[in-house]
Amino acid sequence: MDRDSITAVVNAWIHQYRSLGELDFINHVQIFENRGSIMGCSNPHPHGQIWANRTVPMIPSVEARCQQSYRERNRSCLLCDYLAEETGRGERIVCENDGFVVLVPFWAVWPFEVMILPRRHLRDIAEMDQSEATRLADIIRRLGARYDNLFLTSFPYSMGIHQRPTDGDAHEEWHFHFHYYPPLLRSADVKKFMVGYEMLAQPQRDLTAEQSAQRLRECSEIHFAAASSH
């Protein structure tokens, strides 16, 4: 998909987030995308889903508490400050444009896990202007090309947007972001499995965040011929 086609998808996400979030009984809108049979997908192409919940699920609710706690202690946004720290260091940055930054978080569990963060403090995707929606589509396309070129395969992942709840509160602590969780480890045929210590104690990284970011930076943003993706 080219940038304009992905922009149309982004605008559909915005429309759905707004329309579902306006329902009185919906307090969380979870937009996500799965790609690849290795992720259990029945369709070969990337395809998205939206689940709308009465309650905020566990993972975004933990993120919300952390962001709120940080804001109360520091009078600033957790992810704004984190983004400033990462861009200052540069070593875990994969790619960026005027509106968004792709980085490998230092706490990443999956070998090539990344986040997309908006440079501006935006609580949800509906706060983007159209130029930002286009820049988001651009960074999604560029990241998708890097993923596919890493192992010269149609790179599988689960991706989702975390953003403020739709319960009517302001939620100034929220800074929306994307998580990408791809399972591949060393090649197109080797998958990371959570077993043993990782399931019973804590996940372990197979690569450092810095190594992962460097390998993704070195990948071209021109799609190889066999791939079909963003």
Protein backbone atom coordinates (compact mmCIF):
# COMPACT_ATOMS: atom_id res chain seq x y z
CA MET A 1 0.00 0.00 0.00
CA ASP A 2 1.21 3.50 -0.78
CA ARG A 3 1.10 6.39 1.66
CA ASP A 4 -2.26 7.75 0.45
CA SER A 5 -3.91 4.33 0.79
CA ILE A 6 -2.59 3.96 4.33
CA THR A 7 -3.78 7.50 5.12
CA ALA A 8 -7.30 6.35 4.21
CA VAL A 9 -6.93 3.53 6.77
CA VAL A 10 -5.71 6.00 9.41
CA ASN A 11 -8.72 8.22 8.73
CA ALA A 12 -11.00 5.18 9.10
CA TRP A 13 -9.39 4.45 12.49
CA ILE A 14 -10.07 8.04 13.55
CA HIS A 15 -13.70 7.85 12.44
CA GLN A 16 -14.26 4.54 14.24
CA TYR A 17 -12.53 5.72 17.43
CA ARG A 18 -14.79 8.78 17.52
CA SER A 19 -18.05 7.07 16.63
CA LEU A 20 -17.58 4.08 18.94
CA GLY A 21 -16.21 6.24 21.74
CA GLU A 22 -19.31 8.42 21.65
CA LEU A 23 -21.46 5.49 22.77
CA ASP A 24 -22.29 5.84 26.46
CA PHE A 25 -21.45 2.22 27.27
CA ILE A 26 -18.06 2.19 25.47
CA ASN A 27 -15.07 3.33 27.52
CA HIS A 28 -12.18 1.82 25.56
CA VAL A 29 -11.64 1.40 21.81
CA GLN A 30 -8.89 -1.07 20.93
CA ILE A 31 -7.70 -0.82 17.33
CA PHE A 32 -5.28 -3.52 16.25
CA GLU A 33 -3.89 -5.35 13.23
CA ASN A 34 -2.58 -8.89 12.76
CA ARG A 35 -0.35 -9.98 9.93
CA GLY A 36 0.76 -13.45 8.92
CA SER A 37 -0.31 -17.04 9.40
CA ILE A 38 2.31 -17.40 12.14
CA MET A 39 0.12 -15.02 14.18
CA GLY A 40 -2.88 -17.28 13.60
CA CYS A 41 -4.34 -15.16 10.81
CA SER A 42 -6.74 -16.80 8.37
CA ASN A 43 -6.19 -14.04 5.80
CA PRO A 44 -2.73 -13.68 4.20
CA HIS A 45 -2.88 -9.88 4.03
CA PRO A 46 -2.61 -7.48 7.00
CA HIS A 47 -6.08 -6.86 8.39
CA GLY A 48 -7.35 -4.85 11.27
CA GLN A 49 -10.02 -5.29 13.90
CA ILE A 50 -11.60 -3.05 16.53
CA TRP A 51 -12.90 -4.26 19.86
CA ALA A 52 -14.90 -1.76 21.89
CA ASN A 53 -15.18 -2.37 25.63
CA ARG A 54 -17.27 -1.19 28.54
CA THR A 55 -14.19 -1.43 30.78
CA VAL A 56 -10.55 -0.54 30.11
CA PRO A 57 -8.54 -3.78 29.63
CA MET A 58 -5.63 -4.66 31.88
CA ILE A 59 -2.62 -3.56 29.78
CA PRO A 60 -3.87 -0.08 28.79
CA SER A 61 -5.16 0.43 32.33
CA VAL A 62 -1.67 -0.25 33.72
CA GLU A 63 -0.23 2.21 31.19
CA ALA A 64 -2.83 4.76 32.28
CA ARG A 65 -1.92 4.42 35.96
CA CYS A 66 1.79 4.79 35.20
CA GLN A 67 1.23 7.88 33.05
CA GLN A 68 -1.05 9.45 35.65
CA SER A 69 1.38 8.72 38.49
CA TYR A 70 4.27 10.23 36.52
CA ARG A 71 2.23 13.33 35.67
CA GLU A 72 1.30 13.86 39.32
CA ARG A 73 4.93 13.52 40.45
CA ASN A 74 6.65 15.44 37.66
CA ARG A 75 3.99 17.77 36.23
CA SER A 76 4.88 16.52 32.74
CA CYS A 77 4.01 13.74 30.31
CA LEU A 78 5.79 10.41 30.76
CA LEU A 79 6.03 9.58 27.06
CA CYS A 80 6.92 13.14 26.03
CA ASP A 81 9.87 12.98 28.43
CA TYR A 82 10.75 9.44 27.35
CA LEU A 83 10.71 10.44 23.68
CA ALA A 84 13.01 13.38 24.41
CA GLU A 85 15.41 11.01 26.18
CA GLU A 86 15.41 8.54 23.30
CA THR A 87 15.83 11.13 20.56
CA GLY A 88 18.68 12.67 22.54
CA ARG A 89 20.47 9.32 22.70
CA GLY A 90 19.56 8.22 19.18
CA GLU A 91 20.79 4.63 19.58
CA ARG A 92 17.33 3.05 19.80
CA ILE A 93 15.70 5.18 17.07
CA VAL A 94 14.73 3.26 13.92
CA CYS A 95 13.29 6.01 11.72
CA GLU A 96 11.41 9.29 12.07
CA ASN A 97 9.69 12.13 10.28
CA ASP A 98 8.36 15.53 11.32
CA GLY A 99 5.42 14.04 13.17
CA PHE A 100 6.44 10.62 14.50
CA VAL A 101 9.35 8.55 15.79
CA VAL A 102 9.81 4.78 15.60
CA LEU A 103 11.99 3.37 18.38
CA VAL A 104 12.83 0.11 20.10
CA PRO A 105 11.87 0.59 23.77
CA PHE A 106 14.56 -0.46 26.22
CA TRP A 107 12.05 -2.76 27.96
CA ALA A 108 11.04 -4.54 24.72
CA VAL A 109 10.27 -8.25 25.09
CA TRP A 110 10.09 -9.31 21.45
CA PRO A 111 13.38 -9.18 19.48
CA PHE A 112 12.23 -6.52 16.99
CA GLU A 113 9.46 -4.90 19.01
CA VAL A 114 8.97 -1.18 18.33
CA MET A 115 6.79 1.74 19.34
CA ILE A 116 5.53 4.62 17.20
CA LEU A 117 5.25 7.84 19.19
CA PRO A 118 3.89 11.21 18.03
CA ARG A 119 6.26 14.11 18.64
CA ARG A 120 3.35 16.28 19.77
CA HIS A 121 1.44 15.50 22.97
CA LEU A 122 -1.68 13.90 21.51
CA ARG A 123 -4.00 11.96 23.78
CA ASP A 124 -5.67 10.03 20.96
CA ILE A 125 -5.59 9.68 17.19
CA ALA A 126 -8.62 11.94 16.80
CA GLU A 127 -6.47 14.89 17.96
CA MET A 128 -4.22 14.61 14.90
CA ASP A 129 -4.64 17.10 12.10
CA GLN A 130 -4.66 15.82 8.53
CA SER A 131 -0.97 16.51 8.00
CA GLU A 132 -0.18 14.36 11.04
CA ALA A 133 -2.44 11.57 9.76
CA THR A 134 -0.44 11.61 6.53
CA ARG A 135 2.87 11.58 8.42
CA LEU A 136 1.61 8.65 10.48
CA ALA A 137 0.77 6.76 7.27
CA ASP A 138 4.27 7.56 5.98
CA ILE A 139 6.00 6.18 9.07
CA ILE A 140 3.81 3.03 9.06
CA ARG A 141 4.74 2.40 5.41
CA ARG A 142 8.44 2.97 6.06
CA LEU A 143 8.48 0.70 9.11
CA GLY A 144 6.64 -2.03 7.19
CA ALA A 145 9.28 -1.95 4.45
CA ARG A 146 12.11 -2.22 6.98
CA TYR A 147 10.42 -5.18 8.65
CA ASP A 148 9.95 -7.01 5.33
CA ASN A 149 13.53 -6.34 4.28
CA LEU A 150 15.01 -7.54 7.56
CA PHE A 151 14.64 -11.24 6.67
CA LEU A 152 13.34 -10.79 3.09
CA THR A 153 9.94 -12.12 4.03
CA SER A 154 6.40 -10.94 4.61
CA PHE A 155 7.10 -9.99 8.22
CA PRO A 156 4.43 -11.08 10.75
CA TYR A 157 3.34 -9.00 13.71
CA SER A 158 0.52 -7.90 15.94
CA MET A 159 0.17 -4.13 16.14
CA GLY A 160 -2.17 -1.97 18.18
CA ILE A 161 -2.90 1.60 19.29
CA HIS A 162 -3.03 2.60 22.94
CA GLN A 163 -4.81 5.88 23.57
CA ARG A 164 -7.00 7.59 26.13
CA PRO A 165 -10.24 5.96 27.27
CA THR A 166 -13.53 7.23 25.89
CA ASP A 167 -15.20 7.64 29.29
CA GLY A 168 -15.62 11.41 28.95
CA ASP A 169 -12.73 12.40 31.24
CA ALA A 170 -9.91 14.60 29.91
CA HIS A 171 -7.09 12.12 30.59
CA GLU A 172 -4.35 14.70 30.08
CA GLU A 173 -1.82 12.06 31.15
CA TRP A 174 -2.34 10.02 27.99
CA HIS A 175 0.07 10.15 25.05
CA PHE A 176 -1.12 7.84 22.31
CA HIS A 177 1.29 5.33 20.78
CA PHE A 178 1.53 2.18 18.70
CA HIS A 179 3.02 -1.14 19.80
CA TYR A 180 4.37 -3.62 17.24
CA TYR A 181 5.01 -7.16 18.49
CA PRO A 182 6.69 -9.30 15.80
CA PRO A 183 7.64 -12.90 16.71
CA LEU A 184 10.61 -13.53 14.39
CA LEU A 185 14.01 -13.92 16.02
CA ARG A 186 17.02 -14.77 13.81
CA SER A 187 15.48 -15.49 10.40
CA ALA A 188 12.19 -15.86 8.55
CA ASP A 189 11.91 -19.39 9.94
CA VAL A 190 12.97 -18.93 13.56
CA LYS A 191 10.32 -17.71 15.99
CA LYS A 192 10.82 -16.54 19.54
CA PHE A 193 8.94 -18.68 22.06
CA MET A 194 8.14 -17.77 25.63
CA VAL A 195 9.08 -20.85 27.66
CA GLY A 196 10.66 -21.88 30.93
CA TYR A 197 12.17 -18.96 32.80
CA GLU A 198 10.38 -16.44 30.58
CA MET A 199 6.96 -17.83 31.47
CA LEU A 200 7.71 -18.44 35.13
CA ALA A 201 9.97 -15.52 36.03
CA GLN A 202 10.33 -12.78 33.43
CA PRO A 203 10.92 -12.34 29.68
CA GLN A 204 14.53 -12.21 28.48
CA ARG A 205 15.81 -10.29 25.48
CA ASP A 206 17.53 -12.28 22.72
CA LEU A 207 19.03 -9.06 21.28
CA THR A 208 19.66 -5.75 22.96
CA ALA A 209 17.29 -2.93 22.06
CA GLU A 210 20.24 -1.11 20.51
CA GLN A 211 21.14 -4.08 18.29
CA SER A 212 17.54 -4.42 17.14
CA ALA A 213 17.28 -0.72 16.29
CA GLN A 214 20.58 -0.80 14.38
CA ARG A 215 19.51 -3.79 12.29
CA LEU A 216 16.18 -2.14 11.43
CA ARG A 217 17.92 1.16 10.60
CA GLU A 218 20.17 -0.69 8.17
CA CYS A 219 17.18 -2.12 6.27
CA SER A 220 16.00 -0.41 3.12
CA GLU A 221 12.66 1.38 2.97
CA ILE A 222 12.20 0.15 -0.61
CA HIS A 223 10.14 -3.04 -0.65
CA PHE A 224 11.71 -6.14 -2.08
CA ALA A 225 9.69 -7.64 -4.93
CA ALA A 226 8.28 -10.64 -3.07
CA ALA A 227 6.73 -8.67 -0.23
CA SER A 228 3.21 -7.32 -0.17
CA SER A 229 2.45 -5.10 2.82
CA HIS A 230 2.46 -1.51 4.01
